[in-house]
Each structure stands twice: as structure tokens, then as C-alpha cells.
Amino acid sequence: MREIVLDTETTGLDPYDGHRIVEIGAVELFNHVPTGNVYHQYINPVRKMPEQAFAVHGLSDEFLSDKPKFVDIATEFLDFIGSEKLVIHNASFDMKFINYELSTIKREEISHDRAVDTLTIARKKFPGSPASLDSLCRRFKIDNTARVMHGALLDSQILAEVYLELIGGKQPDFILSAS
């Protein structure tokens, strides 16, 4: 069974307010084991980076200025994720952005049914407890010291470890965040 653990970074909180995706990171799992196959892309949002977003991920206008636009990476991204389940922390946020970007280039949106939301799983499993990615790393003793700022690929790697803990425990040799 192939699954894609996915994260995005954006210019803000809502694509309908003009915000865009600036980074996509994804990690492939097969039968809950990492294959080493990853997808990572920075994206030019064709807009200014708000200070609040820059403070979260550190991606500047200058850094993103020569990166491809979403339209230029859409096919490669869709080929990577295929038709598999997408494991996402706070899936509604990332799915809203991905589907907005797809709609702007007249591509078919991705069904929300494909998303496995680790935030929802964590809230059901640990009601009343903090369910942020950092909180779950602390709970499961997952090393996230490399996570100084948010980054889509690193967050996907960390989320893969969290996801495996949430569904019943990680594999003995499963280490992604050390790369």
C-alpha cells in the first residue's frame, strides 16, 4: 500500500485572500515503510511574502523569485502523488491550497476523501491534549531539533514518523528526519 505524507508552506492562511503555495514536500511510504522517494519543490508565488509568513518558514521574495510557478510543477507533483492516500497534518488547510492552485490552472481538484488527517487522528486518540506536530514529536520522542523553522520536506519527514506512531508504532529502522 503506497501512501504520500505531504506538507505545504504558503504565503498566508487563505488562498481566497490571494495567498499561494511556496513549497511542497512529500515522502513516499510503502506498507508504512519509507521508500526514500521524496518530492520537494519551492514555488514562486508571484506575490510579495508577508512578514508573518516569512517568520514561519523563512522563504523570502528574493529566494523564491527564480523558482518555477505552480503551473510549471503541477504535472510532476500530480505524477508523484498518483492516486494514493495523502497523509497530512491539518489536511483541510493543505488541501484547500492545493485544490485552489489546481483550479487556477484548470486541473482537476483532488478529492478530500484521499486525505488522512493526522491532526484529527491525534485529537481522537489524545482528547484534550495538544496535537500540533511539535507536541506530537514530544509525545512520541521524535527528534525534531532540525526544525528551526517550518519547511515542507522536513515537516513531511517528521510527520511520517508521527503518523506511524499514531497508527500503531514506527518500524524499527524508520529514520527520516536525520537526512
N, C-alpha and C. Protein backbone atom coordinates (compact mmCIF):
# COMPACT_ATOMS: atom_id res chain seq x y z
N MET A 1 0.84 -1.17 0.00
CA MET A 1 0.00 0.00 0.00
C MET A 1 0.89 1.24 0.00
N ARG A 2 0.73 2.08 -1.00
CA ARG A 2 1.51 3.31 -1.14
C ARG A 2 0.73 4.47 -0.51
N GLU A 3 1.42 5.28 0.28
CA GLU A 3 0.86 6.49 0.87
C GLU A 3 1.86 7.62 0.69
N ILE A 4 1.35 8.84 0.58
CA ILE A 4 2.19 10.01 0.43
C ILE A 4 1.97 10.93 1.63
N VAL A 5 3.03 11.17 2.38
CA VAL A 5 2.98 12.10 3.51
C VAL A 5 3.36 13.47 2.94
N LEU A 6 2.51 14.46 3.15
CA LEU A 6 2.61 15.71 2.41
C LEU A 6 2.50 16.93 3.33
N ASP A 7 3.23 17.99 2.95
CA ASP A 7 3.11 19.27 3.64
C ASP A 7 3.34 20.39 2.63
N THR A 8 2.75 21.54 2.92
CA THR A 8 2.99 22.73 2.11
C THR A 8 3.37 23.89 3.03
N GLU A 9 4.03 24.87 2.44
CA GLU A 9 4.23 26.16 3.09
C GLU A 9 3.58 27.18 2.16
N THR A 10 3.04 28.24 2.76
CA THR A 10 2.25 29.20 1.99
C THR A 10 2.60 30.63 2.37
N THR A 11 2.01 31.57 1.63
CA THR A 11 2.20 32.99 1.94
C THR A 11 1.21 33.48 2.99
N GLY A 12 0.26 32.66 3.37
CA GLY A 12 -0.75 33.08 4.35
C GLY A 12 -1.74 31.96 4.63
N LEU A 13 -2.89 32.34 5.14
CA LEU A 13 -3.83 31.35 5.65
C LEU A 13 -4.97 30.98 4.70
N ASP A 14 -5.21 31.77 3.65
CA ASP A 14 -6.37 31.51 2.81
C ASP A 14 -6.07 31.86 1.35
N PRO A 15 -6.17 30.88 0.46
CA PRO A 15 -5.91 31.17 -0.95
C PRO A 15 -6.94 32.15 -1.54
N TYR A 16 -8.13 32.19 -0.96
CA TYR A 16 -9.17 33.09 -1.46
C TYR A 16 -8.91 34.54 -1.07
N ASP A 17 -7.90 34.75 -0.24
CA ASP A 17 -7.43 36.11 0.07
C ASP A 17 -6.16 36.43 -0.71
N GLY A 18 -5.85 35.63 -1.72
CA GLY A 18 -4.69 35.89 -2.57
C GLY A 18 -3.41 35.19 -2.14
N HIS A 19 -3.48 34.31 -1.14
CA HIS A 19 -2.28 33.61 -0.69
C HIS A 19 -2.02 32.39 -1.57
N ARG A 20 -0.73 31.99 -1.62
CA ARG A 20 -0.31 30.94 -2.54
C ARG A 20 0.64 29.96 -1.85
N ILE A 21 0.81 28.81 -2.46
CA ILE A 21 1.78 27.81 -2.01
C ILE A 21 3.17 28.26 -2.43
N VAL A 22 4.15 28.14 -1.52
CA VAL A 22 5.54 28.48 -1.83
C VAL A 22 6.47 27.28 -1.73
N GLU A 23 5.98 26.19 -1.14
CA GLU A 23 6.82 24.99 -1.01
C GLU A 23 5.92 23.77 -0.83
N ILE A 24 6.30 22.67 -1.49
CA ILE A 24 5.63 21.39 -1.31
C ILE A 24 6.71 20.36 -1.00
N GLY A 25 6.45 19.55 0.03
CA GLY A 25 7.33 18.44 0.36
C GLY A 25 6.49 17.20 0.55
N ALA A 26 6.98 16.06 0.08
CA ALA A 26 6.23 14.82 0.21
C ALA A 26 7.19 13.64 0.34
N VAL A 27 6.78 12.67 1.14
CA VAL A 27 7.55 11.47 1.40
C VAL A 27 6.69 10.26 1.04
N GLU A 28 7.25 9.33 0.31
CA GLU A 28 6.53 8.13 -0.07
C GLU A 28 6.74 7.02 0.97
N LEU A 29 5.63 6.41 1.37
CA LEU A 29 5.67 5.22 2.22
C LEU A 29 5.06 4.07 1.42
N PHE A 30 5.63 2.89 1.59
CA PHE A 30 5.03 1.69 1.01
C PHE A 30 4.89 0.68 2.13
N ASN A 31 3.66 0.27 2.40
CA ASN A 31 3.37 -0.60 3.55
C ASN A 31 3.96 -0.04 4.83
N HIS A 32 3.81 1.28 4.99
CA HIS A 32 4.25 2.01 6.18
C HIS A 32 5.77 2.04 6.36
N VAL A 33 6.49 1.83 5.29
CA VAL A 33 7.96 1.89 5.33
C VAL A 33 8.40 2.93 4.29
N PRO A 34 9.33 3.81 4.66
CA PRO A 34 9.79 4.81 3.69
C PRO A 34 10.56 4.16 2.55
N THR A 35 10.30 4.65 1.35
CA THR A 35 10.99 4.11 0.18
C THR A 35 12.24 4.92 -0.15
N GLY A 36 12.36 6.10 0.44
CA GLY A 36 13.45 7.00 0.09
C GLY A 36 13.06 7.93 -1.05
N ASN A 37 11.91 7.69 -1.64
CA ASN A 37 11.41 8.51 -2.74
C ASN A 37 10.69 9.73 -2.15
N VAL A 38 11.17 10.92 -2.50
CA VAL A 38 10.57 12.15 -1.99
C VAL A 38 10.31 13.12 -3.13
N TYR A 39 9.42 14.04 -2.88
CA TYR A 39 9.15 15.14 -3.80
C TYR A 39 9.36 16.43 -3.02
N HIS A 40 10.12 17.36 -3.60
CA HIS A 40 10.34 18.64 -2.93
C HIS A 40 10.46 19.73 -3.98
N GLN A 41 9.70 20.81 -3.78
CA GLN A 41 9.74 21.90 -4.74
C GLN A 41 9.41 23.23 -4.06
N TYR A 42 10.26 24.22 -4.30
CA TYR A 42 9.94 25.60 -3.95
C TYR A 42 9.18 26.18 -5.13
N ILE A 43 8.25 27.10 -4.85
CA ILE A 43 7.36 27.64 -5.88
C ILE A 43 7.32 29.16 -5.77
N ASN A 44 7.43 29.82 -6.90
CA ASN A 44 7.30 31.27 -6.95
C ASN A 44 5.81 31.61 -6.82
N PRO A 45 5.43 32.32 -5.76
CA PRO A 45 4.00 32.61 -5.56
C PRO A 45 3.49 33.78 -6.40
N VAL A 46 4.38 34.47 -7.09
CA VAL A 46 4.03 35.63 -7.91
C VAL A 46 3.28 36.67 -7.08
N ARG A 47 3.78 36.90 -5.90
CA ARG A 47 3.25 37.91 -4.99
C ARG A 47 4.28 38.15 -3.90
N LYS A 48 4.12 39.21 -3.17
CA LYS A 48 5.04 39.53 -2.07
C LYS A 48 4.79 38.59 -0.89
N MET A 49 5.88 38.29 -0.18
CA MET A 49 5.80 37.44 1.00
C MET A 49 5.47 38.30 2.22
N PRO A 50 4.34 38.07 2.87
CA PRO A 50 4.03 38.80 4.09
C PRO A 50 5.03 38.46 5.20
N GLU A 51 5.32 39.43 6.04
CA GLU A 51 6.27 39.24 7.15
C GLU A 51 5.87 38.07 8.05
N GLN A 52 4.55 37.94 8.33
CA GLN A 52 4.10 36.86 9.21
C GLN A 52 4.44 35.48 8.63
N ALA A 53 4.27 35.32 7.33
CA ALA A 53 4.60 34.04 6.69
C ALA A 53 6.11 33.82 6.66
N PHE A 54 6.86 34.87 6.35
CA PHE A 54 8.32 34.77 6.34
C PHE A 54 8.84 34.33 7.70
N ALA A 55 8.22 34.82 8.77
CA ALA A 55 8.63 34.46 10.13
C ALA A 55 8.41 32.98 10.41
N VAL A 56 7.46 32.37 9.73
CA VAL A 56 7.16 30.95 9.93
C VAL A 56 8.15 30.06 9.18
N HIS A 57 8.40 30.36 7.89
CA HIS A 57 9.22 29.45 7.08
C HIS A 57 10.52 30.05 6.55
N GLY A 58 10.68 31.35 6.63
CA GLY A 58 11.93 31.98 6.21
C GLY A 58 12.16 32.03 4.71
N LEU A 59 11.13 31.82 3.92
CA LEU A 59 11.28 31.87 2.47
C LEU A 59 11.00 33.30 1.99
N SER A 60 12.02 33.92 1.41
CA SER A 60 11.94 35.33 1.03
C SER A 60 11.51 35.50 -0.43
N ASP A 61 11.09 36.72 -0.74
CA ASP A 61 10.76 37.07 -2.13
C ASP A 61 11.96 36.81 -3.02
N GLU A 62 13.12 37.23 -2.57
CA GLU A 62 14.34 37.07 -3.37
C GLU A 62 14.63 35.59 -3.64
N PHE A 63 14.55 34.76 -2.60
CA PHE A 63 14.82 33.32 -2.75
C PHE A 63 13.84 32.69 -3.74
N LEU A 64 12.57 33.04 -3.65
CA LEU A 64 11.54 32.41 -4.48
C LEU A 64 11.43 33.00 -5.88
N SER A 65 12.08 34.12 -6.14
CA SER A 65 11.89 34.85 -7.40
C SER A 65 12.28 34.04 -8.64
N ASP A 66 13.25 33.14 -8.53
CA ASP A 66 13.66 32.38 -9.71
C ASP A 66 13.10 30.94 -9.71
N LYS A 67 12.21 30.65 -8.78
CA LYS A 67 11.63 29.31 -8.70
C LYS A 67 10.46 29.20 -9.68
N PRO A 68 10.12 27.97 -10.08
CA PRO A 68 9.00 27.79 -11.02
C PRO A 68 7.66 28.17 -10.39
N LYS A 69 6.72 28.52 -11.23
CA LYS A 69 5.35 28.77 -10.78
C LYS A 69 4.64 27.43 -10.64
N PHE A 70 3.52 27.42 -9.92
CA PHE A 70 2.78 26.17 -9.69
C PHE A 70 2.42 25.50 -11.01
N VAL A 71 1.99 26.25 -11.98
CA VAL A 71 1.61 25.69 -13.27
C VAL A 71 2.75 24.87 -13.88
N ASP A 72 3.98 25.27 -13.60
CA ASP A 72 5.15 24.60 -14.17
C ASP A 72 5.51 23.30 -13.46
N ILE A 73 5.02 23.11 -12.25
CA ILE A 73 5.37 21.89 -11.49
C ILE A 73 4.16 20.99 -11.26
N ALA A 74 2.99 21.42 -11.67
CA ALA A 74 1.75 20.69 -11.36
C ALA A 74 1.78 19.25 -11.85
N THR A 75 2.19 19.02 -13.08
CA THR A 75 2.17 17.66 -13.63
C THR A 75 3.13 16.75 -12.87
N GLU A 76 4.33 17.23 -12.61
CA GLU A 76 5.31 16.43 -11.86
C GLU A 76 4.79 16.11 -10.46
N PHE A 77 4.20 17.10 -9.81
CA PHE A 77 3.63 16.90 -8.47
C PHE A 77 2.51 15.86 -8.52
N LEU A 78 1.58 16.02 -9.44
CA LEU A 78 0.45 15.08 -9.54
C LEU A 78 0.92 13.68 -9.90
N ASP A 79 1.95 13.58 -10.74
CA ASP A 79 2.52 12.27 -11.07
C ASP A 79 3.11 11.61 -9.83
N PHE A 80 3.78 12.40 -8.98
CA PHE A 80 4.39 11.85 -7.78
C PHE A 80 3.32 11.32 -6.82
N ILE A 81 2.28 12.10 -6.58
CA ILE A 81 1.27 11.67 -5.59
C ILE A 81 0.35 10.60 -6.15
N GLY A 82 0.24 10.51 -7.47
CA GLY A 82 -0.62 9.49 -8.08
C GLY A 82 -2.03 9.57 -7.55
N SER A 83 -2.62 8.41 -7.30
CA SER A 83 -4.00 8.37 -6.79
C SER A 83 -4.03 7.85 -5.34
N GLU A 84 -2.87 7.87 -4.70
CA GLU A 84 -2.75 7.30 -3.36
C GLU A 84 -3.32 8.22 -2.28
N LYS A 85 -3.47 7.64 -1.08
CA LYS A 85 -3.87 8.40 0.10
C LYS A 85 -2.79 9.43 0.40
N LEU A 86 -3.23 10.59 0.86
CA LEU A 86 -2.32 11.67 1.25
C LEU A 86 -2.42 11.84 2.76
N VAL A 87 -1.31 11.68 3.45
CA VAL A 87 -1.25 11.83 4.90
C VAL A 87 -0.79 13.25 5.18
N ILE A 88 -1.68 14.04 5.82
CA ILE A 88 -1.42 15.47 6.01
C ILE A 88 -1.86 15.88 7.41
N HIS A 89 -1.05 16.71 8.06
CA HIS A 89 -1.43 17.25 9.37
C HIS A 89 -2.23 18.53 9.13
N ASN A 90 -3.47 18.54 9.59
CA ASN A 90 -4.43 19.61 9.31
C ASN A 90 -4.72 19.63 7.81
N ALA A 91 -5.23 18.52 7.34
CA ALA A 91 -5.42 18.28 5.90
C ALA A 91 -6.28 19.33 5.22
N SER A 92 -7.28 19.85 5.89
CA SER A 92 -8.15 20.82 5.23
C SER A 92 -7.38 22.04 4.76
N PHE A 93 -6.37 22.46 5.51
CA PHE A 93 -5.56 23.62 5.14
C PHE A 93 -4.79 23.35 3.84
N ASP A 94 -4.01 22.29 3.82
CA ASP A 94 -3.18 21.98 2.65
C ASP A 94 -4.03 21.64 1.43
N MET A 95 -5.10 20.88 1.64
CA MET A 95 -5.97 20.50 0.52
C MET A 95 -6.63 21.73 -0.09
N LYS A 96 -7.03 22.69 0.75
CA LYS A 96 -7.64 23.92 0.24
C LYS A 96 -6.67 24.65 -0.68
N PHE A 97 -5.41 24.74 -0.27
CA PHE A 97 -4.41 25.43 -1.09
C PHE A 97 -4.10 24.65 -2.36
N ILE A 98 -3.89 23.35 -2.24
CA ILE A 98 -3.56 22.54 -3.41
C ILE A 98 -4.70 22.62 -4.43
N ASN A 99 -5.92 22.45 -3.96
CA ASN A 99 -7.06 22.48 -4.88
C ASN A 99 -7.28 23.87 -5.48
N TYR A 100 -7.01 24.90 -4.73
CA TYR A 100 -7.10 26.24 -5.28
C TYR A 100 -6.09 26.41 -6.42
N GLU A 101 -4.85 26.01 -6.15
CA GLU A 101 -3.81 26.11 -7.18
C GLU A 101 -4.18 25.30 -8.42
N LEU A 102 -4.70 24.10 -8.22
CA LEU A 102 -5.11 23.27 -9.35
C LEU A 102 -6.26 23.94 -10.13
N SER A 103 -7.20 24.52 -9.42
CA SER A 103 -8.34 25.15 -10.10
C SER A 103 -7.91 26.36 -10.93
N THR A 104 -6.88 27.07 -10.48
CA THR A 104 -6.44 28.25 -11.22
C THR A 104 -5.78 27.89 -12.55
N ILE A 105 -5.33 26.64 -12.67
CA ILE A 105 -4.71 26.21 -13.94
C ILE A 105 -5.59 25.18 -14.66
N LYS A 106 -6.86 25.15 -14.25
CA LYS A 106 -7.86 24.31 -14.91
C LYS A 106 -7.52 22.82 -14.86
N ARG A 107 -6.98 22.40 -13.71
CA ARG A 107 -6.70 20.98 -13.49
C ARG A 107 -7.72 20.44 -12.49
N GLU A 108 -7.97 19.15 -12.56
CA GLU A 108 -8.95 18.52 -11.68
C GLU A 108 -8.48 18.59 -10.23
N GLU A 109 -9.41 18.95 -9.35
CA GLU A 109 -9.08 19.03 -7.93
C GLU A 109 -8.95 17.62 -7.34
N ILE A 110 -8.28 17.54 -6.22
CA ILE A 110 -8.07 16.28 -5.51
C ILE A 110 -9.18 16.12 -4.48
N SER A 111 -9.80 14.96 -4.46
CA SER A 111 -10.89 14.70 -3.53
C SER A 111 -10.37 14.73 -2.09
N HIS A 112 -11.12 15.39 -1.22
CA HIS A 112 -10.75 15.44 0.19
C HIS A 112 -10.80 14.05 0.83
N ASP A 113 -11.50 13.12 0.20
CA ASP A 113 -11.57 11.74 0.71
C ASP A 113 -10.21 11.06 0.67
N ARG A 114 -9.30 11.56 -0.15
CA ARG A 114 -7.96 10.96 -0.24
C ARG A 114 -7.08 11.32 0.94
N ALA A 115 -7.47 12.33 1.72
CA ALA A 115 -6.61 12.82 2.80
C ALA A 115 -6.85 12.07 4.10
N VAL A 116 -5.77 11.65 4.71
CA VAL A 116 -5.77 11.11 6.07
C VAL A 116 -5.22 12.23 6.94
N ASP A 117 -6.06 12.75 7.83
CA ASP A 117 -5.67 13.91 8.63
C ASP A 117 -5.10 13.46 9.98
N THR A 118 -3.79 13.62 10.14
CA THR A 118 -3.15 13.21 11.39
C THR A 118 -3.57 14.09 12.56
N LEU A 119 -3.98 15.31 12.31
CA LEU A 119 -4.48 16.17 13.38
C LEU A 119 -5.76 15.58 13.96
N THR A 120 -6.66 15.14 13.09
CA THR A 120 -7.91 14.51 13.53
C THR A 120 -7.62 13.21 14.29
N ILE A 121 -6.70 12.41 13.77
CA ILE A 121 -6.34 11.15 14.44
C ILE A 121 -5.80 11.45 15.84
N ALA A 122 -4.90 12.42 15.94
CA ALA A 122 -4.29 12.76 17.24
C ALA A 122 -5.34 13.28 18.22
N ARG A 123 -6.26 14.10 17.76
CA ARG A 123 -7.30 14.63 18.65
C ARG A 123 -8.23 13.54 19.15
N LYS A 124 -8.50 12.54 18.31
CA LYS A 124 -9.34 11.42 18.73
C LYS A 124 -8.59 10.51 19.70
N LYS A 125 -7.32 10.30 19.42
CA LYS A 125 -6.52 9.38 20.24
C LYS A 125 -6.13 9.99 21.58
N PHE A 126 -5.92 11.31 21.60
CA PHE A 126 -5.49 12.01 22.82
C PHE A 126 -6.38 13.22 23.06
N PRO A 127 -7.66 13.00 23.38
CA PRO A 127 -8.58 14.13 23.53
C PRO A 127 -8.10 15.12 24.61
N GLY A 128 -8.18 16.39 24.29
CA GLY A 128 -7.79 17.43 25.23
C GLY A 128 -6.30 17.72 25.28
N SER A 129 -5.49 16.91 24.63
CA SER A 129 -4.04 17.13 24.63
C SER A 129 -3.64 17.96 23.42
N PRO A 130 -2.51 18.65 23.52
CA PRO A 130 -2.03 19.40 22.35
C PRO A 130 -1.77 18.43 21.19
N ALA A 131 -2.11 18.87 19.98
CA ALA A 131 -1.99 17.99 18.82
C ALA A 131 -1.17 18.61 17.70
N SER A 132 -0.38 19.63 18.02
CA SER A 132 0.49 20.20 16.99
C SER A 132 1.56 19.18 16.64
N LEU A 133 2.22 19.39 15.51
CA LEU A 133 3.29 18.48 15.11
C LEU A 133 4.40 18.46 16.16
N ASP A 134 4.77 19.62 16.68
CA ASP A 134 5.81 19.67 17.72
C ASP A 134 5.36 18.93 18.98
N SER A 135 4.10 19.10 19.38
CA SER A 135 3.58 18.40 20.56
C SER A 135 3.61 16.89 20.37
N LEU A 136 3.25 16.45 19.19
CA LEU A 136 3.26 15.01 18.92
C LEU A 136 4.68 14.46 18.87
N CYS A 137 5.61 15.26 18.39
CA CYS A 137 7.02 14.84 18.42
C CYS A 137 7.47 14.64 19.87
N ARG A 138 7.11 15.55 20.75
CA ARG A 138 7.46 15.40 22.17
C ARG A 138 6.80 14.16 22.75
N ARG A 139 5.54 13.96 22.45
CA ARG A 139 4.80 12.79 22.98
C ARG A 139 5.48 11.49 22.57
N PHE A 140 5.89 11.40 21.30
CA PHE A 140 6.45 10.16 20.77
C PHE A 140 7.98 10.11 20.79
N LYS A 141 8.60 11.14 21.40
CA LYS A 141 10.06 11.22 21.49
C LYS A 141 10.73 11.15 20.11
N ILE A 142 10.17 11.91 19.18
CA ILE A 142 10.71 12.01 17.83
C ILE A 142 11.58 13.26 17.78
N ASP A 143 12.79 13.09 17.32
CA ASP A 143 13.74 14.21 17.26
C ASP A 143 13.32 15.19 16.17
N ASN A 144 12.97 16.40 16.58
CA ASN A 144 12.63 17.43 15.60
C ASN A 144 13.52 18.67 15.80
N THR A 145 14.72 18.45 16.32
CA THR A 145 15.63 19.57 16.59
C THR A 145 16.08 20.26 15.31
N ALA A 146 16.00 19.58 14.17
CA ALA A 146 16.37 20.21 12.90
C ALA A 146 15.29 21.19 12.44
N ARG A 147 14.15 21.18 13.10
CA ARG A 147 13.01 22.00 12.70
C ARG A 147 13.06 23.36 13.38
N VAL A 148 14.00 24.20 12.96
CA VAL A 148 14.11 25.55 13.49
C VAL A 148 12.96 26.40 12.94
N MET A 149 12.66 26.25 11.66
CA MET A 149 11.53 26.90 11.01
C MET A 149 10.73 25.82 10.30
N HIS A 150 9.53 26.17 9.89
CA HIS A 150 8.73 25.23 9.11
C HIS A 150 9.36 25.06 7.74
N GLY A 151 9.39 23.84 7.27
CA GLY A 151 9.86 23.51 5.93
C GLY A 151 9.06 22.31 5.46
N ALA A 152 8.54 22.35 4.25
CA ALA A 152 7.61 21.32 3.80
C ALA A 152 8.22 19.92 3.77
N LEU A 153 9.44 19.77 3.29
CA LEU A 153 10.03 18.43 3.22
C LEU A 153 10.38 17.92 4.61
N LEU A 154 11.04 18.72 5.42
CA LEU A 154 11.37 18.29 6.77
C LEU A 154 10.11 17.98 7.57
N ASP A 155 9.11 18.83 7.45
CA ASP A 155 7.86 18.57 8.17
C ASP A 155 7.19 17.29 7.70
N SER A 156 7.29 16.98 6.41
CA SER A 156 6.74 15.72 5.89
C SER A 156 7.49 14.52 6.46
N GLN A 157 8.81 14.65 6.54
CA GLN A 157 9.61 13.56 7.11
C GLN A 157 9.26 13.33 8.57
N ILE A 158 9.14 14.40 9.33
CA ILE A 158 8.78 14.29 10.74
C ILE A 158 7.36 13.74 10.87
N LEU A 159 6.45 14.25 10.04
CA LEU A 159 5.06 13.79 10.09
C LEU A 159 4.96 12.31 9.77
N ALA A 160 5.79 11.80 8.87
CA ALA A 160 5.77 10.37 8.57
C ALA A 160 6.03 9.57 9.84
N GLU A 161 7.00 10.00 10.64
CA GLU A 161 7.29 9.30 11.89
C GLU A 161 6.12 9.41 12.87
N VAL A 162 5.55 10.61 12.97
CA VAL A 162 4.39 10.82 13.86
C VAL A 162 3.22 9.94 13.41
N TYR A 163 2.96 9.93 12.12
CA TYR A 163 1.85 9.14 11.57
C TYR A 163 1.99 7.66 11.93
N LEU A 164 3.18 7.13 11.77
CA LEU A 164 3.38 5.71 12.09
C LEU A 164 3.17 5.44 13.58
N GLU A 165 3.55 6.39 14.43
CA GLU A 165 3.27 6.24 15.86
C GLU A 165 1.77 6.30 16.12
N LEU A 166 1.08 7.20 15.46
CA LEU A 166 -0.36 7.36 15.66
C LEU A 166 -1.14 6.11 15.26
N ILE A 167 -0.66 5.41 14.24
CA ILE A 167 -1.41 4.24 13.77
C ILE A 167 -0.89 2.93 14.36
N GLY A 168 0.07 3.03 15.28
CA GLY A 168 0.45 1.80 15.95
C GLY A 168 1.92 1.55 16.13
N GLY A 169 2.75 2.51 15.87
CA GLY A 169 4.17 2.33 16.13
C GLY A 169 5.00 2.28 14.88
N LYS A 170 6.15 2.94 14.96
CA LYS A 170 7.02 3.01 13.79
C LYS A 170 7.82 1.73 13.61
N GLN A 171 8.34 1.57 12.44
CA GLN A 171 9.16 0.41 12.11
C GLN A 171 10.53 0.58 12.78
N PRO A 172 11.22 -0.51 13.12
CA PRO A 172 12.47 -0.41 13.86
C PRO A 172 13.55 0.44 13.18
N ASP A 173 13.66 0.39 11.88
CA ASP A 173 14.71 1.13 11.18
C ASP A 173 14.19 2.41 10.53
N PHE A 174 13.07 2.93 11.01
CA PHE A 174 12.46 4.09 10.38
C PHE A 174 13.06 5.37 10.92
N ILE A 175 13.93 5.98 10.12
CA ILE A 175 14.51 7.27 10.48
C ILE A 175 14.52 8.13 9.23
N LEU A 176 13.72 9.18 9.24
CA LEU A 176 13.68 10.09 8.10
C LEU A 176 14.25 11.44 8.44
N SER A 177 13.99 11.94 9.64
CA SER A 177 14.34 13.32 9.96
C SER A 177 15.84 13.54 10.11
N ALA A 178 16.63 12.49 10.10
CA ALA A 178 18.07 12.63 10.21
C ALA A 178 18.73 12.97 8.88
N SER A 179 17.97 12.87 7.79
CA SER A 179 18.57 13.13 6.47
C SER A 179 18.67 14.59 6.16
